[in-house]
Amino acid sequence: MSVFTAHTAETAPAAARPTVEGVRRRFGFLPTPVALMAESPQLLAGFLTANAGFEQTALNPLEREVVVLAVATTNECHVCVALHTGTLTQLGATAELIVALRAGSALPEPRLEALRRFTLAVLDHRGAVPDDDLANFLAAGYQPRHALDVVLGVGTYTISTFANRLTRAPLDPPLAAHAWTPAA
């Protein structure tokens, strides 16, 4: 049983209405996770602001999706995995890369694997990444700025995954083709 309301632009708290309407226009529908987050205008605005910042980092779009999928699978957010599987598909990611990310297994491209492993280290160590993990990340060609960009991605998508799990956000029909269930 959920105590959370999936709002519309008309039912959302007044402070969230412009944001909800903007998201609805952008996607052509209002994603249920956004409709649920609208209950807290500050949460919704905070997530969308952090996400906009993450989109402007030095990580390229594919690298950002690696970070997002590492967080989403670790935090077992089926909505996030489905949504970002669709994004990876639109980016032209290989099926091998998508399958590995969804399974939480080693990626076929060493540089992206270093990024995935560093993201997991940030999560696992709550930011206190061991020196060897940071050195391996940098040895893959990333810069210190990229490490901080990963922290922003981890924070942004921890907000999203936690909110989606708390509210029991269902999978919207447009995402059904990318449904995901955590490994047992």
Protein backbone atom coordinates (compact mmCIF):
# COMPACT_ATOMS: atom_id res chain seq x y z
CA MET A 1 0.00 0.00 0.00
CA SER A 2 1.38 3.39 -0.95
CA VAL A 3 0.61 6.56 0.94
CA PHE A 4 2.04 8.70 -1.87
CA THR A 5 0.00 10.48 -4.51
CA ALA A 6 0.91 10.47 -8.18
CA HIS A 7 0.12 14.12 -8.83
CA THR A 8 -0.89 15.90 -12.00
CA ALA A 9 -0.12 19.51 -12.82
CA GLU A 10 -3.52 20.31 -11.32
CA THR A 11 -3.15 18.34 -8.06
CA ALA A 12 0.53 18.95 -7.30
CA PRO A 13 1.43 21.41 -4.57
CA ALA A 14 1.51 24.91 -6.07
CA ALA A 15 5.32 25.14 -5.84
CA ALA A 16 5.70 21.96 -7.95
CA ARG A 17 3.13 22.76 -10.65
CA PRO A 18 5.40 24.64 -13.08
CA THR A 19 8.04 21.93 -12.81
CA VAL A 20 5.51 19.14 -13.30
CA GLU A 21 4.07 20.88 -16.35
CA GLY A 22 7.54 21.44 -17.80
CA VAL A 23 8.45 17.77 -17.42
CA ARG A 24 5.13 16.73 -18.96
CA ARG A 25 5.77 18.95 -21.99
CA ARG A 26 9.34 17.64 -22.35
CA PHE A 27 8.39 13.95 -22.28
CA GLY A 28 4.91 14.17 -23.76
CA PHE A 29 3.57 12.53 -20.60
CA LEU A 30 4.20 12.91 -16.89
CA PRO A 31 6.50 10.10 -15.69
CA THR A 32 5.07 8.55 -12.55
CA PRO A 33 8.29 9.04 -10.54
CA VAL A 34 8.07 12.80 -11.18
CA ALA A 35 4.36 12.78 -10.33
CA LEU A 36 5.21 11.08 -7.03
CA MET A 37 8.19 13.33 -6.22
CA ALA A 38 5.94 16.37 -6.77
CA GLU A 39 4.54 15.79 -3.28
CA SER A 40 7.76 17.46 -2.12
CA PRO A 41 8.45 20.41 -4.43
CA GLN A 42 11.89 20.73 -2.84
CA LEU A 43 12.79 17.10 -3.58
CA LEU A 44 11.59 17.39 -7.16
CA ALA A 45 13.42 20.68 -7.74
CA GLY A 46 16.54 19.37 -6.02
CA PHE A 47 16.66 16.21 -8.11
CA LEU A 48 16.02 18.04 -11.39
CA THR A 49 18.60 20.71 -10.56
CA ALA A 50 21.21 18.11 -9.60
CA ASN A 51 20.40 16.15 -12.75
CA ALA A 52 20.83 19.25 -14.92
CA GLY A 53 24.22 19.81 -13.30
CA PHE A 54 25.22 16.19 -13.87
CA GLU A 55 24.28 16.53 -17.54
CA GLN A 56 26.82 19.37 -17.82
CA THR A 57 29.77 17.48 -16.34
CA ALA A 58 32.92 16.51 -18.22
CA LEU A 59 31.61 12.95 -18.53
CA ASN A 60 30.18 12.21 -21.96
CA PRO A 61 26.57 10.97 -22.30
CA LEU A 62 27.56 7.29 -22.41
CA GLU A 63 29.80 7.68 -19.37
CA ARG A 64 27.01 9.42 -17.46
CA GLU A 65 24.70 6.51 -18.22
CA VAL A 66 27.31 4.06 -16.91
CA VAL A 67 27.30 6.00 -13.62
CA VAL A 68 23.49 6.08 -13.52
CA LEU A 69 23.10 2.36 -14.24
CA ALA A 70 25.73 1.46 -11.63
CA VAL A 71 23.78 3.45 -9.03
CA ALA A 72 20.37 2.22 -10.20
CA THR A 73 21.30 -1.46 -10.17
CA THR A 74 23.10 -1.18 -6.84
CA ASN A 75 20.09 0.58 -5.31
CA GLU A 76 17.70 -1.80 -7.12
CA CYS A 77 15.58 0.87 -8.77
CA HIS A 78 13.64 -0.90 -11.52
CA VAL A 79 12.22 2.37 -12.85
CA CYS A 80 15.67 3.96 -13.18
CA VAL A 81 17.15 0.89 -14.85
CA ALA A 82 14.30 0.75 -17.39
CA LEU A 83 14.43 4.48 -18.14
CA HIS A 84 18.19 4.57 -18.54
CA THR A 85 18.25 1.37 -20.58
CA GLY A 86 16.10 3.30 -23.04
CA THR A 87 18.56 6.20 -22.92
CA LEU A 88 21.48 3.85 -23.59
CA THR A 89 19.60 2.37 -26.53
CA GLN A 90 18.99 5.86 -27.95
CA LEU A 91 22.70 6.60 -27.54
CA GLY A 92 23.52 3.55 -29.67
CA ALA A 93 25.12 1.55 -26.86
CA THR A 94 25.85 -2.06 -27.73
CA ALA A 95 23.61 -4.81 -26.43
CA GLU A 96 26.68 -6.31 -24.74
CA LEU A 97 27.27 -3.10 -22.76
CA ILE A 98 23.61 -2.77 -21.77
CA VAL A 99 23.35 -6.39 -20.65
CA ALA A 100 26.52 -6.10 -18.57
CA LEU A 101 25.38 -2.87 -16.91
CA ARG A 102 21.97 -4.32 -16.07
CA ALA A 103 23.61 -7.47 -14.67
CA GLY A 104 26.18 -5.52 -12.68
CA SER A 105 28.98 -7.41 -14.39
CA ALA A 106 32.26 -6.31 -15.99
CA LEU A 107 31.88 -4.05 -19.00
CA PRO A 108 33.44 -4.98 -22.36
CA GLU A 109 35.27 -1.63 -22.67
CA PRO A 110 38.11 -1.24 -20.11
CA ARG A 111 37.72 2.53 -19.68
CA LEU A 112 33.98 2.25 -19.02
CA GLU A 113 34.64 -0.67 -16.67
CA ALA A 114 37.05 1.54 -14.71
CA LEU A 115 34.28 4.15 -14.48
CA ARG A 116 31.74 1.55 -13.33
CA ARG A 117 34.11 0.19 -10.70
CA PHE A 118 34.96 3.69 -9.44
CA THR A 119 31.25 4.53 -9.18
CA LEU A 120 30.71 1.38 -7.13
CA ALA A 121 33.68 2.31 -4.92
CA VAL A 122 32.14 5.75 -4.28
CA LEU A 123 28.88 4.03 -3.30
CA ASP A 124 30.46 1.22 -1.28
CA HIS A 125 32.81 3.49 0.66
CA ARG A 126 30.41 6.41 0.97
CA GLY A 127 32.90 8.65 -0.79
CA ALA A 128 36.00 7.52 1.12
CA VAL A 129 37.35 5.72 -1.95
CA PRO A 130 40.55 3.75 -1.26
CA ASP A 131 43.68 5.15 -2.91
CA ASP A 132 44.06 2.08 -5.16
CA ASP A 133 40.53 2.50 -6.54
CA LEU A 134 41.15 6.17 -7.29
CA ALA A 135 44.53 5.36 -8.87
CA ASN A 136 42.94 2.73 -11.11
CA PHE A 137 40.29 5.21 -12.19
CA LEU A 138 42.88 7.85 -13.05
CA ALA A 139 45.06 5.26 -14.80
CA ALA A 140 42.14 4.58 -17.16
CA GLY A 141 42.51 8.14 -18.45
CA TYR A 142 40.07 9.97 -16.22
CA GLN A 143 40.99 13.19 -14.45
CA PRO A 144 40.30 14.30 -10.85
CA ARG A 145 37.40 16.39 -12.16
CA HIS A 146 35.77 13.21 -13.48
CA ALA A 147 35.98 11.69 -9.98
CA LEU A 148 34.02 14.64 -8.62
CA ASP A 149 31.56 14.39 -11.52
CA VAL A 150 30.95 10.77 -10.49
CA VAL A 151 30.18 11.97 -6.96
CA LEU A 152 27.56 14.33 -8.39
CA GLY A 153 26.04 11.48 -10.41
CA VAL A 154 26.00 9.17 -7.40
CA GLY A 155 24.29 11.83 -5.29
CA THR A 156 21.78 12.74 -7.97
CA TYR A 157 20.75 9.19 -8.70
CA THR A 158 20.76 8.13 -5.07
CA ILE A 159 18.08 10.80 -4.58
CA SER A 160 16.11 9.40 -7.51
CA THR A 161 16.49 5.73 -6.66
CA PHE A 162 15.61 6.26 -3.01
CA ALA A 163 12.55 8.36 -3.87
CA ASN A 164 11.37 5.81 -6.43
CA ARG A 165 11.77 2.93 -4.03
CA LEU A 166 10.13 4.78 -1.12
CA THR A 167 7.11 5.77 -3.20
CA ARG A 168 6.92 2.36 -4.91
CA ALA A 169 6.97 4.13 -8.27
CA PRO A 170 5.53 1.80 -10.90
CA LEU A 171 6.98 1.36 -14.36
CA ASP A 172 5.27 3.64 -16.87
CA PRO A 173 3.96 1.80 -19.97
CA PRO A 174 6.47 3.47 -22.34
CA LEU A 175 9.25 1.81 -20.33
CA ALA A 176 7.78 -1.70 -20.27
CA ALA A 177 10.12 -2.90 -23.02
CA HIS A 178 13.06 -2.26 -20.68
CA ALA A 179 11.63 -3.81 -17.51
CA TRP A 180 14.24 -5.04 -15.03
CA THR A 181 14.21 -7.16 -11.91
CA PRO A 182 17.18 -7.23 -9.51
CA ALA A 183 19.21 -10.44 -9.44
CA ALA A 184 18.43 -12.60 -6.45
